[in-house]
Each structure stands twice: as C-alpha cells, then as structure tokens.
C-alpha cells in the first residue's frame, strides 16, 4: 500500500469525529431550547443529553483510534 492510500483511509476514519462534533453541537442546542421552554424538566433533559453525548463521543473516539491504528500499523 502506498502512503497516499493510507492517508486517505485515516482521513475517512476521522470523518466520524467530524460527524460526532456536529451531532453534539446540534444536540446541545436542542437541549438548550428544550430547557428554555420547560425549565422544570431541566434535570431529565440534562441526564438524557449527557447519555447521548457520551454515546456520540465514544463513536468519535473509536474513529480516532481506528485512524491511529491505520496510520501506525500499515506501512
């Protein structure tokens, strides 16, 4: 394999990091809107938001680790 194809593969793995960042920003914005509409439900909204953010962040971490594996093992 050439270095160019390895770099392209690592870049494709990192697309999950970009998507996770966009998803987390969207989810946080929606949670802020929901708390603004119903402040009494902020506890439930926060707990659901944190669970969703943790799952989204794990997806980004998996993509990052996969990119590192591709970069450092394929030579």
N, C-alpha and C. Protein backbone atom coordinates (compact mmCIF):
# COMPACT_ATOMS: atom_id res chain seq x y z
N UNK A 1 0.84 -1.19 0.00
CA UNK A 1 0.00 0.00 0.00
C UNK A 1 0.88 1.24 0.00
N UNK A 2 0.41 2.24 -0.69
CA UNK A 2 1.14 3.50 -0.73
C UNK A 2 0.76 4.40 0.43
N UNK A 3 1.60 5.38 0.69
CA UNK A 3 1.32 6.32 1.77
C UNK A 3 0.07 7.14 1.51
N UNK A 4 -0.19 7.41 0.23
CA UNK A 4 -1.38 8.19 -0.10
C UNK A 4 -2.66 7.47 0.26
N UNK A 5 -2.73 6.17 -0.02
CA UNK A 5 -3.94 5.42 0.30
C UNK A 5 -4.10 5.26 1.81
N UNK A 6 -3.00 5.15 2.54
CA UNK A 6 -3.08 5.08 4.00
C UNK A 6 -3.61 6.40 4.57
N UNK A 7 -3.13 7.51 4.03
CA UNK A 7 -3.60 8.82 4.50
C UNK A 7 -5.08 9.02 4.19
N UNK A 8 -5.51 8.56 3.02
CA UNK A 8 -6.93 8.67 2.66
C UNK A 8 -7.77 7.81 3.59
N UNK A 9 -7.30 6.61 3.91
CA UNK A 9 -8.02 5.74 4.83
C UNK A 9 -8.13 6.34 6.22
N UNK A 10 -7.05 6.93 6.69
CA UNK A 10 -7.08 7.58 8.01
C UNK A 10 -8.03 8.78 8.00
N UNK A 11 -8.02 9.52 6.91
CA UNK A 11 -8.94 10.66 6.80
C UNK A 11 -10.39 10.23 6.80
N UNK A 12 -10.67 9.11 6.14
CA UNK A 12 -12.04 8.60 6.16
C UNK A 12 -12.45 8.14 7.55
N UNK A 13 -11.52 7.58 8.30
CA UNK A 13 -11.82 7.19 9.68
C UNK A 13 -12.15 8.40 10.53
N UNK A 14 -11.50 9.52 10.24
CA UNK A 14 -11.71 10.72 11.04
C UNK A 14 -13.00 11.45 10.69
N UNK A 15 -13.68 11.03 9.65
CA UNK A 15 -14.98 11.64 9.34
C UNK A 15 -15.98 11.41 10.48
N UNK A 16 -15.83 10.31 11.20
CA UNK A 16 -16.72 10.07 12.33
C UNK A 16 -16.51 11.11 13.43
N UNK A 17 -15.29 11.64 13.56
CA UNK A 17 -15.03 12.69 14.55
C UNK A 17 -15.75 13.98 14.16
N UNK A 18 -15.73 14.29 12.88
CA UNK A 18 -16.41 15.49 12.40
C UNK A 18 -17.91 15.36 12.59
N UNK A 19 -18.46 14.20 12.23
CA UNK A 19 -19.89 13.98 12.38
C UNK A 19 -20.31 14.01 13.85
N UNK A 20 -19.46 13.46 14.72
CA UNK A 20 -19.77 13.47 16.15
C UNK A 20 -19.78 14.90 16.69
N UNK A 21 -18.85 15.71 16.26
CA UNK A 21 -18.82 17.11 16.70
C UNK A 21 -20.07 17.87 16.26
N UNK A 22 -20.47 17.66 15.01
CA UNK A 22 -21.69 18.31 14.53
C UNK A 22 -22.92 17.81 15.28
N UNK A 23 -22.98 16.51 15.53
CA UNK A 23 -24.11 15.94 16.25
C UNK A 23 -24.19 16.43 17.68
N UNK A 24 -23.05 16.56 18.33
CA UNK A 24 -23.05 17.05 19.71
C UNK A 24 -23.48 18.51 19.78
N UNK A 25 -23.04 19.30 18.82
CA UNK A 25 -23.47 20.70 18.79
C UNK A 25 -24.96 20.83 18.56
N UNK A 26 -25.49 20.03 17.66
CA UNK A 26 -26.93 20.06 17.39
C UNK A 26 -27.72 19.60 18.61
N UNK A 27 -27.28 18.53 19.24
CA UNK A 27 -27.99 18.02 20.42
C UNK A 27 -27.95 19.01 21.57
N UNK A 28 -26.82 19.66 21.77
CA UNK A 28 -26.72 20.64 22.85
C UNK A 28 -27.63 21.84 22.58
N UNK A 29 -27.69 22.28 21.35
CA UNK A 29 -28.58 23.39 21.00
C UNK A 29 -30.04 23.04 21.23
N UNK A 30 -30.43 21.82 20.86
CA UNK A 30 -31.81 21.39 21.07
C UNK A 30 -32.12 21.27 22.56
N UNK A 31 -31.14 20.81 23.35
CA UNK A 31 -31.36 20.70 24.79
C UNK A 31 -31.52 22.08 25.43
N UNK A 32 -30.75 23.04 24.97
CA UNK A 32 -30.88 24.41 25.49
C UNK A 32 -32.26 24.98 25.15
N UNK A 33 -32.72 24.72 23.94
CA UNK A 33 -34.07 25.15 23.55
C UNK A 33 -35.14 24.50 24.42
N UNK A 34 -34.97 23.20 24.68
CA UNK A 34 -35.95 22.48 25.50
C UNK A 34 -35.98 23.01 26.92
N UNK A 35 -34.82 23.29 27.49
CA UNK A 35 -34.77 23.85 28.86
C UNK A 35 -35.36 25.25 28.87
N UNK A 36 -35.16 25.99 27.82
CA UNK A 36 -35.74 27.32 27.74
C UNK A 36 -37.27 27.28 27.71
N UNK A 37 -37.82 26.25 27.07
CA UNK A 37 -39.28 26.11 27.00
C UNK A 37 -39.86 25.53 28.28
N UNK A 38 -39.16 24.55 28.87
CA UNK A 38 -39.65 23.90 30.09
C UNK A 38 -38.53 23.81 31.12
N UNK A 39 -38.32 24.88 31.87
CA UNK A 39 -37.22 24.87 32.84
C UNK A 39 -37.40 23.82 33.95
N UNK A 40 -38.63 23.44 34.23
CA UNK A 40 -38.87 22.46 35.30
C UNK A 40 -38.40 21.05 34.90
N UNK A 41 -38.21 20.80 33.63
CA UNK A 41 -37.76 19.49 33.15
C UNK A 41 -36.26 19.46 32.86
N UNK A 42 -35.53 20.42 33.40
CA UNK A 42 -34.11 20.50 33.06
C UNK A 42 -33.31 19.31 33.57
N UNK A 43 -33.70 18.71 34.66
CA UNK A 43 -32.99 17.54 35.19
C UNK A 43 -33.08 16.35 34.24
N UNK A 44 -34.29 16.07 33.76
CA UNK A 44 -34.47 14.96 32.82
C UNK A 44 -33.76 15.24 31.50
N UNK A 45 -33.88 16.46 31.03
CA UNK A 45 -33.25 16.83 29.76
C UNK A 45 -31.74 16.70 29.87
N UNK A 46 -31.17 17.14 30.97
CA UNK A 46 -29.72 17.07 31.16
C UNK A 46 -29.22 15.64 31.21
N UNK A 47 -29.95 14.78 31.91
CA UNK A 47 -29.50 13.39 32.01
C UNK A 47 -29.56 12.68 30.66
N UNK A 48 -30.62 12.92 29.89
CA UNK A 48 -30.73 12.32 28.57
C UNK A 48 -29.66 12.90 27.64
N UNK A 49 -29.41 14.20 27.75
CA UNK A 49 -28.38 14.84 26.93
C UNK A 49 -27.01 14.25 27.22
N UNK A 50 -26.67 14.08 28.49
CA UNK A 50 -25.36 13.54 28.84
C UNK A 50 -25.18 12.11 28.35
N UNK A 51 -26.23 11.31 28.42
CA UNK A 51 -26.15 9.95 27.90
C UNK A 51 -25.91 9.96 26.39
N UNK A 52 -26.64 10.80 25.68
CA UNK A 52 -26.46 10.90 24.23
C UNK A 52 -25.09 11.43 23.85
N UNK A 53 -24.59 12.41 24.60
CA UNK A 53 -23.26 12.95 24.31
C UNK A 53 -22.17 11.91 24.57
N UNK A 54 -22.35 11.10 25.60
CA UNK A 54 -21.35 10.06 25.89
C UNK A 54 -21.31 9.03 24.76
N UNK A 55 -22.47 8.63 24.27
CA UNK A 55 -22.51 7.67 23.16
C UNK A 55 -21.91 8.27 21.89
N UNK A 56 -22.21 9.54 21.65
CA UNK A 56 -21.66 10.20 20.46
C UNK A 56 -20.15 10.35 20.57
N UNK A 57 -19.67 10.69 21.74
CA UNK A 57 -18.23 10.85 21.94
C UNK A 57 -17.50 9.52 21.78
N UNK A 58 -18.13 8.44 22.21
CA UNK A 58 -17.49 7.13 22.04
C UNK A 58 -17.32 6.79 20.55
N UNK A 59 -18.28 7.20 19.73
CA UNK A 59 -18.15 6.99 18.29
C UNK A 59 -16.95 7.77 17.75
N UNK A 60 -16.78 8.99 18.20
CA UNK A 60 -15.64 9.79 17.76
C UNK A 60 -14.32 9.18 18.21
N UNK A 61 -14.28 8.66 19.43
CA UNK A 61 -13.06 8.04 19.94
C UNK A 61 -12.72 6.78 19.15
N UNK A 62 -13.74 5.98 18.82
CA UNK A 62 -13.49 4.78 18.00
C UNK A 62 -12.92 5.15 16.64
N UNK A 63 -13.46 6.19 16.03
CA UNK A 63 -12.93 6.63 14.74
C UNK A 63 -11.50 7.12 14.85
N UNK A 64 -11.19 7.84 15.90
CA UNK A 64 -9.84 8.36 16.11
C UNK A 64 -8.84 7.23 16.34
N UNK A 65 -9.23 6.27 17.17
CA UNK A 65 -8.35 5.13 17.44
C UNK A 65 -8.14 4.30 16.17
N UNK A 66 -9.18 4.13 15.39
CA UNK A 66 -9.06 3.40 14.13
C UNK A 66 -8.10 4.12 13.18
N UNK A 67 -8.19 5.44 13.13
CA UNK A 67 -7.28 6.21 12.29
C UNK A 67 -5.83 6.05 12.76
N UNK A 68 -5.61 6.06 14.07
CA UNK A 68 -4.25 5.86 14.58
C UNK A 68 -3.73 4.46 14.25
N UNK A 69 -4.60 3.48 14.36
CA UNK A 69 -4.19 2.11 14.02
C UNK A 69 -3.81 2.02 12.55
N UNK A 70 -4.62 2.65 11.70
CA UNK A 70 -4.33 2.63 10.26
C UNK A 70 -3.00 3.32 9.98
N UNK A 71 -2.75 4.44 10.62
CA UNK A 71 -1.51 5.18 10.37
C UNK A 71 -0.27 4.45 10.84
N UNK A 72 -0.35 3.82 12.00
CA UNK A 72 0.86 3.28 12.61
C UNK A 72 1.09 1.80 12.33
N UNK A 73 0.11 1.08 11.82
CA UNK A 73 0.34 -0.34 11.55
C UNK A 73 0.52 -0.63 10.06
N UNK A 74 -0.08 0.17 9.20
CA UNK A 74 0.06 -0.07 7.77
C UNK A 74 1.19 0.78 7.22
N UNK A 75 2.26 0.17 6.87
CA UNK A 75 3.40 0.92 6.31
C UNK A 75 3.93 0.22 5.10
